[in-house]
Amino acid sequence: MDFLETKDVVKQYADHCALNNVSICVPKGKIFGLLGPNGAGKTTLIRIINRIIAPDSGEVFIDGRPYRSSDIYRIGYLPEERGLYKKMKVGEQAIYLARLKGLTATEAKRRLMVWFEKFGIVEWRNKKLEELSKGMQQKVQFIVTVIHEPELLIFDEPFSGFDPVNTEQLKKEIIELKNVGRTIIFSTHNMTSVEEICDDIALINKSEVVLSGRVAEIRNRFKSNTFSVCVKNDIFEPSPATFTVLSETKGADNTLNVRIRKETELSNSALLNILTQKHEIISFAEELPSMNEVFLKAVITNH
């Protein structure tokens, strides 16, 4: 079941078409990667979902029905451009923003202390935001985004300003939010993070969706029939009619690591059977393209 869907959304700015018939389906309880190069239209779509701007045409649906203005309270949005008050104390503005989301002061304080303790920033709650590092400020922004426990969370480059340790902590929190049933839209240029946490993606380029689907299925779609094989031998026998040897590297203990590309009509099982007739196989694995490779191929093809 989809939590959010856009159908044929169009947005025009003067002589520039920011979105051209963009349709996406965000499955309920999943992490959905919204990808694309700079200027592709991702931010415009996010602003439409947040009702910051309206589409020129097309529709947005929540839970299978047309999007209503009251649905905005079901959304938490972490924008790429941070928007906290630098001169205001961290705790005070977090409570203020939580109350704008509908929480009582008492409930806001209770929930904030849980998150402040989790992120190790309790002692910073009486400091002004400008006294915090960029990473600390980002933690506060994340807390304010999730504090009202929205059903849909939109994170736009959430790891910006984080070191690897804090990035890993935030990834774990995002996955935990998914595990308790939240639906998440995750916009980033970091394709490694997409592979690690996203279930589905949509790639927008030049204002249009050029690729969408489950991450695993998309990587399979772009595979090049390349395999990594480790054999117990110093000599690897090629088989021109069935596969091409791309490279050979000697490994430890009289092993040989070989990369091969099979003929497209040959099944993986048939390939393995041919190899086992001539070699003692230590390992055999198909190489799938990274999401970074998929991104580049899809964008260049659509260029």
C-alpha atoms as a PDB file:
ATOM      1  CA  MET A   1       0.000   0.000   0.000  1.00  0.00           C
ATOM      2  CA  ASP A   2       1.257   3.497  -0.862  1.00  0.00           C
ATOM      3  CA  PHE A   3       1.197   6.200   1.793  1.00  0.00           C
ATOM      4  CA  LEU A   4       1.840   9.036  -0.661  1.00  0.00           C
ATOM      5  CA  GLU A   5       1.360   9.289  -4.404  1.00  0.00           C
ATOM      6  CA  THR A   6       1.817  12.088  -6.912  1.00  0.00           C
ATOM      7  CA  LYS A   7       0.099  11.873 -10.289  1.00  0.00           C
ATOM      8  CA  ASP A   8       1.242  13.879 -13.325  1.00  0.00           C
ATOM      9  CA  VAL A   9       2.484  16.820 -11.251  1.00  0.00           C
ATOM     10  CA  VAL A  10       3.528  19.844 -13.315  1.00  0.00           C
ATOM     11  CA  LYS A  11       5.234  23.011 -12.061  1.00  0.00           C
ATOM     12  CA  GLN A  12       6.364  25.826 -14.327  1.00  0.00           C
ATOM     13  CA  TYR A  13       8.463  28.870 -13.342  1.00  0.00           C
ATOM     14  CA  ALA A  14       8.348  31.500 -16.090  1.00  0.00           C
ATOM     15  CA  ASP A  15      10.152  29.809 -18.997  1.00  0.00           C
ATOM     16  CA  HIS A  16      11.495  26.890 -16.904  1.00  0.00           C
ATOM     17  CA  CYS A  17       9.576  23.652 -16.370  1.00  0.00           C
ATOM     18  CA  ALA A  18      10.618  22.399 -12.914  1.00  0.00           C
ATOM     19  CA  LEU A  19       8.404  19.292 -12.968  1.00  0.00           C
ATOM     20  CA  ASN A  20       6.903  17.658 -16.046  1.00  0.00           C
ATOM     21  CA  ASN A  21       4.168  15.080 -15.333  1.00  0.00           C
ATOM     22  CA  VAL A  22       5.982  13.653 -12.311  1.00  0.00           C
ATOM     23  CA  SER A  23       4.353  10.578 -10.775  1.00  0.00           C
ATOM     24  CA  ILE A  24       5.825   8.734  -7.791  1.00  0.00           C
ATOM     25  CA  CYS A  25       4.474   6.155  -5.329  1.00  0.00           C
ATOM     26  CA  VAL A  26       5.914   6.092  -1.806  1.00  0.00           C
ATOM     27  CA  PRO A  27       5.124   2.755  -0.094  1.00  0.00           C
ATOM     28  CA  LYS A  28       3.830   2.884   3.469  1.00  0.00           C
ATOM     29  CA  GLY A  29       6.422   2.034   6.114  1.00  0.00           C
ATOM     30  CA  LYS A  30       9.361   2.121   3.679  1.00  0.00           C
ATOM     31  CA  ILE A  31      12.359   4.371   3.006  1.00  0.00           C
ATOM     32  CA  PHE A  32      11.960   5.982  -0.410  1.00  0.00           C
ATOM     33  CA  GLY A  33      14.990   7.580  -2.070  1.00  0.00           C
ATOM     34  CA  LEU A  34      14.219  10.728  -4.061  1.00  0.00           C
ATOM     35  CA  LEU A  35      17.267  11.148  -6.281  1.00  0.00           C
ATOM     36  CA  GLY A  36      18.530  13.342  -9.069  1.00  0.00           C
ATOM     37  CA  PRO A  37      21.259  15.806 -10.056  1.00  0.00           C
ATOM     38  CA  ASN A  38      21.151  19.413  -8.922  1.00  0.00           C
ATOM     39  CA  GLY A  39      18.332  21.321 -10.587  1.00  0.00           C
ATOM     40  CA  ALA A  40      16.427  18.170 -11.545  1.00  0.00           C
ATOM     41  CA  GLY A  41      13.243  19.177  -9.674  1.00  0.00           C
ATOM     42  CA  LYS A  42      13.541  17.244  -6.388  1.00  0.00           C
ATOM     43  CA  THR A  43      13.248  20.288  -4.122  1.00  0.00           C
ATOM     44  CA  THR A  44      10.244  21.580  -6.051  1.00  0.00           C
ATOM     45  CA  LEU A  45       8.481  18.232  -5.584  1.00  0.00           C
ATOM     46  CA  ILE A  46       9.320  18.202  -1.866  1.00  0.00           C
ATOM     47  CA  ARG A  47       7.895  21.715  -1.490  1.00  0.00           C
ATOM     48  CA  ILE A  48       4.693  20.643  -3.226  1.00  0.00           C
ATOM     49  CA  ILE A  49       4.359  17.635  -0.887  1.00  0.00           C
ATOM     50  CA  ASN A  50       4.845  20.007   2.057  1.00  0.00           C
ATOM     51  CA  ARG A  51       2.239  22.429   0.644  1.00  0.00           C
ATOM     52  CA  ILE A  52       4.828  25.213   0.565  1.00  0.00           C
ATOM     53  CA  ILE A  53       3.930  25.700  -3.095  1.00  0.00           C
ATOM     54  CA  ALA A  54       1.102  24.321  -5.236  1.00  0.00           C
ATOM     55  CA  PRO A  55       1.443  22.404  -8.506  1.00  0.00           C
ATOM     56  CA  ASP A  56       0.161  23.960 -11.719  1.00  0.00           C
ATOM     57  CA  SER A  57      -1.559  20.662 -12.477  1.00  0.00           C
ATOM     58  CA  GLY A  58      -1.597  17.105 -11.249  1.00  0.00           C
ATOM     59  CA  GLU A  59      -2.614  15.664  -7.894  1.00  0.00           C
ATOM     60  CA  VAL A  60      -1.127  14.494  -4.587  1.00  0.00           C
ATOM     61  CA  PHE A  61      -2.748  11.642  -2.663  1.00  0.00           C
ATOM     62  CA  ILE A  62      -2.340  10.555   0.962  1.00  0.00           C
ATOM     63  CA  ASP A  63      -3.613   7.099   1.899  1.00  0.00           C
ATOM     64  CA  GLY A  64      -5.335   6.848  -1.480  1.00  0.00           C
ATOM     65  CA  ARG A  65      -7.366  10.043  -1.192  1.00  0.00           C
ATOM     66  CA  PRO A  66      -6.694  13.633  -2.315  1.00  0.00           C
ATOM     67  CA  TYR A  67      -4.256  15.511  -0.084  1.00  0.00           C
ATOM     68  CA  ARG A  68      -5.958  17.837   2.432  1.00  0.00           C
ATOM     69  CA  SER A  69      -4.447  20.878   4.181  1.00  0.00           C
ATOM     70  CA  SER A  70      -4.804  19.125   7.569  1.00  0.00           C
ATOM     71  CA  ASP A  71      -2.476  16.351   6.359  1.00  0.00           C
ATOM     72  CA  ILE A  72       0.483  18.680   6.813  1.00  0.00           C
ATOM     73  CA  TYR A  73       0.440  17.786  10.536  1.00  0.00           C
ATOM     74  CA  ARG A  74       1.181  14.189   9.539  1.00  0.00           C
ATOM     75  CA  ILE A  75       4.476  15.278   7.949  1.00  0.00           C
ATOM     76  CA  GLY A  76       7.888  16.090   9.403  1.00  0.00           C
ATOM     77  CA  TYR A  77      10.298  17.942   7.097  1.00  0.00           C
ATOM     78  CA  LEU A  78      14.050  18.364   7.498  1.00  0.00           C
ATOM     79  CA  PRO A  79      15.053  20.815   4.739  1.00  0.00           C
ATOM     80  CA  GLU A  80      18.520  21.021   3.228  1.00  0.00           C
ATOM     81  CA  GLU A  81      18.531  24.724   4.137  1.00  0.00           C
ATOM     82  CA  ARG A  82      18.367  24.668   7.933  1.00  0.00           C
ATOM     83  CA  GLY A  83      15.906  27.056   9.546  1.00  0.00           C
ATOM     84  CA  LEU A  84      16.484  27.284  13.309  1.00  0.00           C
ATOM     85  CA  TYR A  85      16.900  30.552  15.235  1.00  0.00           C
ATOM     86  CA  LYS A  86      20.613  31.043  15.975  1.00  0.00           C
ATOM     87  CA  LYS A  87      20.125  33.520  18.855  1.00  0.00           C
ATOM     88  CA  MET A  88      17.496  31.436  20.653  1.00  0.00           C
ATOM     89  CA  LYS A  89      18.303  28.788  23.267  1.00  0.00           C
ATOM     90  CA  VAL A  90      18.201  25.235  21.949  1.00  0.00           C
ATOM     91  CA  GLY A  91      15.692  23.863  24.478  1.00  0.00           C
ATOM     92  CA  GLU A  92      13.350  26.845  24.277  1.00  0.00           C
ATOM     93  CA  GLN A  93      13.044  26.826  20.510  1.00  0.00           C
ATOM     94  CA  ALA A  94      12.717  23.042  20.366  1.00  0.00           C
ATOM     95  CA  ILE A  95       9.756  23.249  22.760  1.00  0.00           C
ATOM     96  CA  TYR A  96       8.304  26.192  20.830  1.00  0.00           C
ATOM     97  CA  LEU A  97       8.522  24.328  17.511  1.00  0.00           C
ATOM     98  CA  ALA A  98       7.135  21.132  19.067  1.00  0.00           C
ATOM     99  CA  ARG A  99       4.121  23.047  20.352  1.00  0.00           C
ATOM    100  CA  LEU A 100       3.531  24.415  16.842  1.00  0.00           C
ATOM    101  CA  LYS A 101       3.243  20.756  15.803  1.00  0.00           C
ATOM    102  CA  GLY A 102       0.428  20.269  18.316  1.00  0.00           C
ATOM    103  CA  LEU A 103       2.199  18.994  21.446  1.00  0.00           C
ATOM    104  CA  THR A 104       1.538  20.344  24.926  1.00  0.00           C
ATOM    105  CA  ALA A 105       4.470  21.982  26.718  1.00  0.00           C
ATOM    106  CA  THR A 106       4.671  19.049  29.155  1.00  0.00           C
ATOM    107  CA  GLU A 107       4.677  16.403  26.427  1.00  0.00           C
ATOM    108  CA  ALA A 108       7.145  18.409  24.346  1.00  0.00           C
ATOM    109  CA  LYS A 109       9.599  18.604  27.270  1.00  0.00           C
ATOM    110  CA  ARG A 110       9.259  14.897  27.969  1.00  0.00           C
ATOM    111  CA  ARG A 111       9.879  13.850  24.371  1.00  0.00           C
ATOM    112  CA  LEU A 112      12.727  16.337  23.909  1.00  0.00           C
ATOM    113  CA  MET A 113      14.597  15.019  26.943  1.00  0.00           C
ATOM    114  CA  VAL A 114      14.383  11.500  25.521  1.00  0.00           C
ATOM    115  CA  TRP A 115      15.906  12.656  22.232  1.00  0.00           C
ATOM    116  CA  PHE A 116      18.464  14.987  23.849  1.00  0.00           C
ATOM    117  CA  GLU A 117      19.702  12.108  25.990  1.00  0.00           C
ATOM    118  CA  LYS A 118      19.795   9.763  22.990  1.00  0.00           C
ATOM    119  CA  PHE A 119      21.938  12.235  21.037  1.00  0.00           C
ATOM    120  CA  GLY A 120      24.050  13.251  24.050  1.00  0.00           C
ATOM    121  CA  ILE A 121      23.164  16.958  23.947  1.00  0.00           C
ATOM    122  CA  VAL A 122      21.278  17.418  27.232  1.00  0.00           C
ATOM    123  CA  GLU A 123      23.919  19.829  28.539  1.00  0.00           C
ATOM    124  CA  TRP A 124      23.482  22.009  25.443  1.00  0.00           C
ATOM    125  CA  ARG A 125      19.768  22.715  25.876  1.00  0.00           C
ATOM    126  CA  ASN A 126      20.373  26.103  27.546  1.00  0.00           C
ATOM    127  CA  LYS A 127      22.953  27.196  24.973  1.00  0.00           C
ATOM    128  CA  LYS A 128      22.147  29.409  22.016  1.00  0.00           C
ATOM    129  CA  LEU A 129      22.077  27.556  18.720  1.00  0.00           C
ATOM    130  CA  GLU A 130      24.983  29.613  17.342  1.00  0.00           C
ATOM    131  CA  GLU A 131      27.190  28.213  20.129  1.00  0.00           C
ATOM    132  CA  LEU A 132      26.765  24.679  18.763  1.00  0.00           C
ATOM    133  CA  SER A 133      28.808  23.038  16.034  1.00  0.00           C
ATOM    134  CA  LYS A 134      27.170  22.448  12.656  1.00  0.00           C
ATOM    135  CA  GLY A 135      26.731  18.769  13.525  1.00  0.00           C
ATOM    136  CA  MET A 136      25.104  19.591  16.887  1.00  0.00           C
ATOM    137  CA  GLN A 137      22.754  22.042  15.175  1.00  0.00           C
ATOM    138  CA  GLN A 138      21.836  19.325  12.723  1.00  0.00           C
ATOM    139  CA  LYS A 139      20.941  16.979  15.587  1.00  0.00           C
ATOM    140  CA  VAL A 140      18.613  19.623  17.028  1.00  0.00           C
ATOM    141  CA  GLN A 141      16.997  20.106  13.603  1.00  0.00           C
ATOM    142  CA  PHE A 142      16.477  16.354  13.284  1.00  0.00           C
ATOM    143  CA  ILE A 143      14.866  16.171  16.733  1.00  0.00           C
ATOM    144  CA  VAL A 144      12.495  19.034  15.902  1.00  0.00           C
ATOM    145  CA  THR A 145      11.534  17.208  12.679  1.00  0.00           C
ATOM    146  CA  VAL A 146      10.584  13.929  14.383  1.00  0.00           C
ATOM    147  CA  ILE A 147       9.332  15.196  17.777  1.00  0.00           C
ATOM    148  CA  HIS A 148       5.603  15.117  16.912  1.00  0.00           C
ATOM    149  CA  GLU A 149       5.955  11.520  15.610  1.00  0.00           C
ATOM    150  CA  PRO A 150       4.648  12.223  12.083  1.00  0.00           C
ATOM    151  CA  GLU A 151       3.604   9.383   9.811  1.00  0.00           C
ATOM    152  CA  LEU A 152       5.636  10.758   6.883  1.00  0.00           C
ATOM    153  CA  LEU A 153       9.181  12.078   7.334  1.00  0.00           C
ATOM    154  CA  ILE A 154      11.032  13.946   4.585  1.00  0.00           C
ATOM    155  CA  PHE A 155      14.803  14.202   5.022  1.00  0.00           C
ATOM    156  CA  ASP A 156      16.654  16.387   2.508  1.00  0.00           C
ATOM    157  CA  GLU A 157      20.427  15.688   2.745  1.00  0.00           C
ATOM    158  CA  PRO A 158      20.124  14.753   6.448  1.00  0.00           C
ATOM    159  CA  PHE A 159      23.815  13.818   6.833  1.00  0.00           C
ATOM    160  CA  SER A 160      25.136  17.222   5.779  1.00  0.00           C
ATOM    161  CA  GLY A 161      27.639  18.466   8.368  1.00  0.00           C
ATOM    162  CA  PHE A 162      27.990  15.109  10.120  1.00  0.00           C
ATOM    163  CA  ASP A 163      31.194  13.178  10.720  1.00  0.00           C
ATOM    164  CA  PRO A 164      31.137   9.403  10.016  1.00  0.00           C
ATOM    165  CA  VAL A 165      30.274   8.489  13.637  1.00  0.00           C
ATOM    166  CA  ASN A 166      27.284  10.827  13.820  1.00  0.00           C
ATOM    167  CA  THR A 167      26.220   9.893  10.290  1.00  0.00           C
ATOM    168  CA  GLU A 168      26.059   6.256  11.370  1.00  0.00           C
ATOM    169  CA  GLN A 169      24.021   7.174  14.456  1.00  0.00           C
ATOM    170  CA  LEU A 170      21.532   9.139  12.367  1.00  0.00           C
ATOM    171  CA  LYS A 171      21.215   6.270   9.868  1.00  0.00           C
ATOM    172  CA  LYS A 172      20.343   3.934  12.726  1.00  0.00           C
ATOM    173  CA  GLU A 173      17.692   6.369  13.983  1.00  0.00           C
ATOM    174  CA  ILE A 174      16.166   6.662  10.496  1.00  0.00           C
ATOM    175  CA  ILE A 175      16.032   2.867  10.155  1.00  0.00           C
ATOM    176  CA  GLU A 176      14.464   2.627  13.618  1.00  0.00           C
ATOM    177  CA  LEU A 177      11.792   5.132  12.579  1.00  0.00           C
ATOM    178  CA  LYS A 178      11.020   2.888   9.619  1.00  0.00           C
ATOM    179  CA  ASN A 179      10.887  -0.148  11.930  1.00  0.00           C
ATOM    180  CA  VAL A 180       8.165   1.494  14.041  1.00  0.00           C
ATOM    181  CA  GLY A 181       6.049   2.150  10.936  1.00  0.00           C
ATOM    182  CA  ARG A 182       7.059   5.588   9.708  1.00  0.00           C
ATOM    183  CA  THR A 183       7.176   6.312   5.979  1.00  0.00           C
ATOM    184  CA  ILE A 184      10.322   8.160   4.920  1.00  0.00           C
ATOM    185  CA  ILE A 185      11.327  10.173   1.854  1.00  0.00           C
ATOM    186  CA  PHE A 186      15.111  10.403   1.767  1.00  0.00           C
ATOM    187  CA  SER A 187      16.716  12.862  -0.662  1.00  0.00           C
ATOM    188  CA  THR A 188      20.484  12.678  -1.041  1.00  0.00           C
ATOM    189  CA  HIS A 189      23.418  12.663  -3.445  1.00  0.00           C
ATOM    190  CA  ASN A 190      25.155   9.969  -1.388  1.00  0.00           C
ATOM    191  CA  MET A 191      24.454   6.793  -3.339  1.00  0.00           C
ATOM    192  CA  THR A 192      26.173   4.595  -0.735  1.00  0.00           C
ATOM    193  CA  SER A 193      23.532   5.673   1.785  1.00  0.00           C
ATOM    194  CA  VAL A 194      20.819   4.875  -0.757  1.00  0.00           C
ATOM    195  CA  GLU A 195      22.129   1.302  -1.061  1.00  0.00           C
ATOM    196  CA  GLU A 196      22.305   0.961   2.719  1.00  0.00           C
ATOM    197  CA  ILE A 197      18.880   2.202   3.763  1.00  0.00           C
ATOM    198  CA  CYS A 198      16.476   2.742   0.843  1.00  0.00           C
ATOM    199  CA  ASP A 199      13.845   0.205  -0.186  1.00  0.00           C
ATOM    200  CA  ASP A 200      12.618   2.047  -3.294  1.00  0.00           C
ATOM    201  CA  ILE A 201      13.780   5.046  -5.320  1.00  0.00           C
ATOM    202  CA  ALA A 202      12.686   7.493  -7.982  1.00  0.00           C
ATOM    203  CA  LEU A 203      15.329   9.285 -10.028  1.00  0.00           C
ATOM    204  CA  ILE A 204      14.347  12.659 -11.455  1.00  0.00           C
ATOM    205  CA  ASN A 205      16.371  14.213 -14.266  1.00  0.00           C
ATOM    206  CA  LYS A 206      15.486  17.263 -16.303  1.00  0.00           C
ATOM    207  CA  SER A 207      12.138  17.587 -14.498  1.00  0.00           C
ATOM    208  CA  GLU A 208      10.986  14.030 -15.286  1.00  0.00           C
ATOM    209  CA  VAL A 209      11.106  10.658 -13.562  1.00  0.00           C
ATOM    210  CA  VAL A 210      13.593   8.599 -15.582  1.00  0.00           C
ATOM    211  CA  LEU A 211      13.941   5.611 -13.255  1.00  0.00           C
ATOM    212  CA  SER A 212      11.894   4.149 -10.401  1.00  0.00           C
ATOM    213  CA  GLY A 213      11.389   0.925  -8.493  1.00  0.00           C
ATOM    214  CA  ARG A 214      12.926  -1.219  -5.775  1.00  0.00           C
ATOM    215  CA  VAL A 215      16.641  -0.721  -5.234  1.00  0.00           C
ATOM    216  CA  ALA A 216      17.512  -4.417  -5.626  1.00  0.00           C
ATOM    217  CA  GLU A 217      15.451  -4.737  -8.815  1.00  0.00           C
ATOM    218  CA  ILE A 218      17.022  -1.607 -10.330  1.00  0.00           C
ATOM    219  CA  ARG A 219      20.575  -2.802  -9.635  1.00  0.00           C
ATOM    220  CA  ASN A 220      19.676  -6.099 -11.307  1.00  0.00           C
ATOM    221  CA  ARG A 221      18.236  -4.234 -14.268  1.00  0.00           C
ATOM    222  CA  PHE A 222      21.559  -2.469 -14.849  1.00  0.00           C
ATOM    223  CA  LYS A 223      23.829  -5.480 -14.312  1.00  0.00           C
ATOM    224  CA  SER A 224      26.443  -6.308 -16.970  1.00  0.00           C
ATOM    225  CA  ASN A 225      26.655 -10.117 -16.596  1.00  0.00           C
ATOM    226  CA  THR A 226      29.995  -9.774 -14.823  1.00  0.00           C
ATOM    227  CA  PHE A 227      31.144 -12.274 -12.189  1.00  0.00           C
ATOM    228  CA  SER A 228      33.931 -12.551  -9.644  1.00  0.00           C
ATOM    229  CA  VAL A 229      35.307 -16.082  -9.407  1.00  0.00           C
ATOM    230  CA  CYS A 230      38.014 -17.457  -7.130  1.00  0.00           C
ATOM    231  CA  VAL A 231      39.496 -20.806  -8.174  1.00  0.00           C
ATOM    232  CA  LYS A 232      42.021 -23.173  -6.607  1.00  0.00           C
ATOM    233  CA  ASN A 233      44.508 -23.020  -9.474  1.00  0.00           C
ATOM    234  CA  ASP A 234      47.292 -20.976 -11.010  1.00  0.00           C
ATOM    235  CA  ILE A 235      45.876 -21.320 -14.507  1.00  0.00           C
ATOM    236  CA  PHE A 236      42.362 -20.326 -15.515  1.00  0.00           C
ATOM    237  CA  GLU A 237      41.037 -21.880 -18.693  1.00  0.00           C
ATOM    238  CA  PRO A 238      39.012 -19.453 -20.820  1.00  0.00           C
ATOM    239  CA  SER A 239      35.909 -20.534 -22.701  1.00  0.00           C
ATOM    240  CA  PRO A 240      35.378 -18.103 -25.614  1.00  0.00           C
ATOM    241  CA  ALA A 241      31.964 -19.434 -26.547  1.00  0.00           C
ATOM    242  CA  THR A 242      30.518 -18.943 -23.061  1.00  0.00           C
ATOM    243  CA  PHE A 243      32.419 -16.152 -21.303  1.00  0.00           C
ATOM    244  CA  THR A 244      35.210 -13.588 -21.635  1.00  0.00           C
ATOM    245  CA  VAL A 245      37.992 -13.162 -19.089  1.00  0.00           C
ATOM    246  CA  LEU A 246      38.285  -9.531 -18.024  1.00  0.00           C
ATOM    247  CA  SER A 247      41.098  -9.790 -15.472  1.00  0.00           C
ATOM    248  CA  GLU A 248      43.130 -12.237 -13.377  1.00  0.00           C
ATOM    249  CA  THR A 249      44.815 -11.634 -10.019  1.00  0.00           C
ATOM    250  CA  LYS A 250      46.796 -14.150  -8.011  1.00  0.00           C
ATOM    251  CA  GLY A 251      45.462 -14.640  -4.499  1.00  0.00           C
ATOM    252  CA  ALA A 252      46.808 -16.370  -1.398  1.00  0.00           C
ATOM    253  CA  ASP A 253      47.230 -20.159  -1.014  1.00  0.00           C
ATOM    254  CA  ASN A 254      47.496 -20.926  -4.729  1.00  0.00           C
ATOM    255  CA  THR A 255      44.204 -19.260  -5.639  1.00  0.00           C
ATOM    256  CA  LEU A 256      43.324 -17.107  -8.599  1.00  0.00           C
ATOM    257  CA  ASN A 257      40.774 -14.292  -8.599  1.00  0.00           C
ATOM    258  CA  VAL A 258      39.155 -13.846 -12.001  1.00  0.00           C
ATOM    259  CA  ARG A 259      36.571 -11.434 -13.365  1.00  0.00           C
ATOM    260  CA  ILE A 260      34.568 -12.757 -16.294  1.00  0.00           C
ATOM    261  CA  ARG A 261      31.636 -11.631 -18.431  1.00  0.00           C
ATOM    262  CA  LYS A 262      29.241 -14.327 -19.585  1.00  0.00           C
ATOM    263  CA  GLU A 263      27.232 -14.499 -22.769  1.00  0.00           C
ATOM    264  CA  THR A 264      23.778 -13.036 -22.089  1.00  0.00           C
ATOM    265  CA  GLU A 265      21.830 -16.143 -23.116  1.00  0.00           C
ATOM    266  CA  LEU A 266      23.774 -18.337 -20.689  1.00  0.00           C
ATOM    267  CA  SER A 267      22.119 -18.862 -17.282  1.00  0.00           C
ATOM    268  CA  ASN A 268      24.101 -18.363 -14.093  1.00  0.00           C
ATOM    269  CA  SER A 269      23.665 -22.036 -13.219  1.00  0.00           C
ATOM    270  CA  ALA A 270      24.981 -23.121 -16.618  1.00  0.00           C
ATOM    271  CA  LEU A 271      27.987 -20.824 -16.220  1.00  0.00           C
ATOM    272  CA  LEU A 272      28.777 -22.248 -12.793  1.00  0.00           C
ATOM    273  CA  ASN A 273      28.427 -25.781 -14.139  1.00  0.00           C
ATOM    274  CA  ILE A 274      30.946 -25.053 -16.922  1.00  0.00           C
ATOM    275  CA  LEU A 275      33.417 -23.598 -14.426  1.00  0.00           C
ATOM    276  CA  THR A 276      33.141 -26.468 -11.961  1.00  0.00           C
ATOM    277  CA  GLN A 277      33.968 -28.961 -14.699  1.00  0.00           C
ATOM    278  CA  LYS A 278      37.413 -27.374 -15.096  1.00  0.00           C
ATOM    279  CA  HIS A 279      38.187 -25.735 -11.754  1.00  0.00           C
ATOM    280  CA  GLU A 280      37.767 -26.107  -8.029  1.00  0.00           C
ATOM    281  CA  ILE A 281      35.578 -23.107  -7.187  1.00  0.00           C
ATOM    282  CA  ILE A 282      36.370 -21.256  -3.952  1.00  0.00           C
ATOM    283  CA  SER A 283      33.818 -18.490  -4.520  1.00  0.00           C
ATOM    284  CA  PHE A 284      31.438 -17.371  -7.253  1.00  0.00           C
ATOM    285  CA  ALA A 285      29.453 -14.111  -7.196  1.00  0.00           C
ATOM    286  CA  GLU A 286      27.692 -11.907  -9.693  1.00  0.00           C
ATOM    287  CA  GLU A 287      28.762  -8.277  -9.600  1.00  0.00           C
ATOM    288  CA  LEU A 288      25.855  -5.863  -9.369  1.00  0.00           C
ATOM    289  CA  PRO A 289      26.390  -2.199 -10.223  1.00  0.00           C
ATOM    290  CA  SER A 290      26.483   0.276  -7.362  1.00  0.00           C
ATOM    291  CA  MET A 291      23.705   2.850  -7.136  1.00  0.00           C
ATOM    292  CA  ASN A 292      26.317   5.446  -8.038  1.00  0.00           C
ATOM    293  CA  GLU A 293      26.932   3.603 -11.330  1.00  0.00           C
ATOM    294  CA  VAL A 294      23.187   3.271 -11.907  1.00  0.00           C
ATOM    295  CA  PHE A 295      22.725   6.995 -11.217  1.00  0.00           C
ATOM    296  CA  LEU A 296      25.431   7.976 -13.709  1.00  0.00           C
ATOM    297  CA  LYS A 297      24.153   5.630 -16.430  1.00  0.00           C
ATOM    298  CA  ALA A 298      20.541   6.759 -16.031  1.00  0.00           C
ATOM    299  CA  VAL A 299      21.420  10.465 -16.026  1.00  0.00           C
ATOM    300  CA  ILE A 300      23.872  10.232 -18.939  1.00  0.00           C
ATOM    301  CA  THR A 301      21.411   8.160 -20.999  1.00  0.00           C
ATOM    302  CA  ASN A 302      18.752  10.789 -20.372  1.00  0.00           C
ATOM    303  CA  HIS A 303      21.139  13.697 -21.017  1.00  0.00           C
END
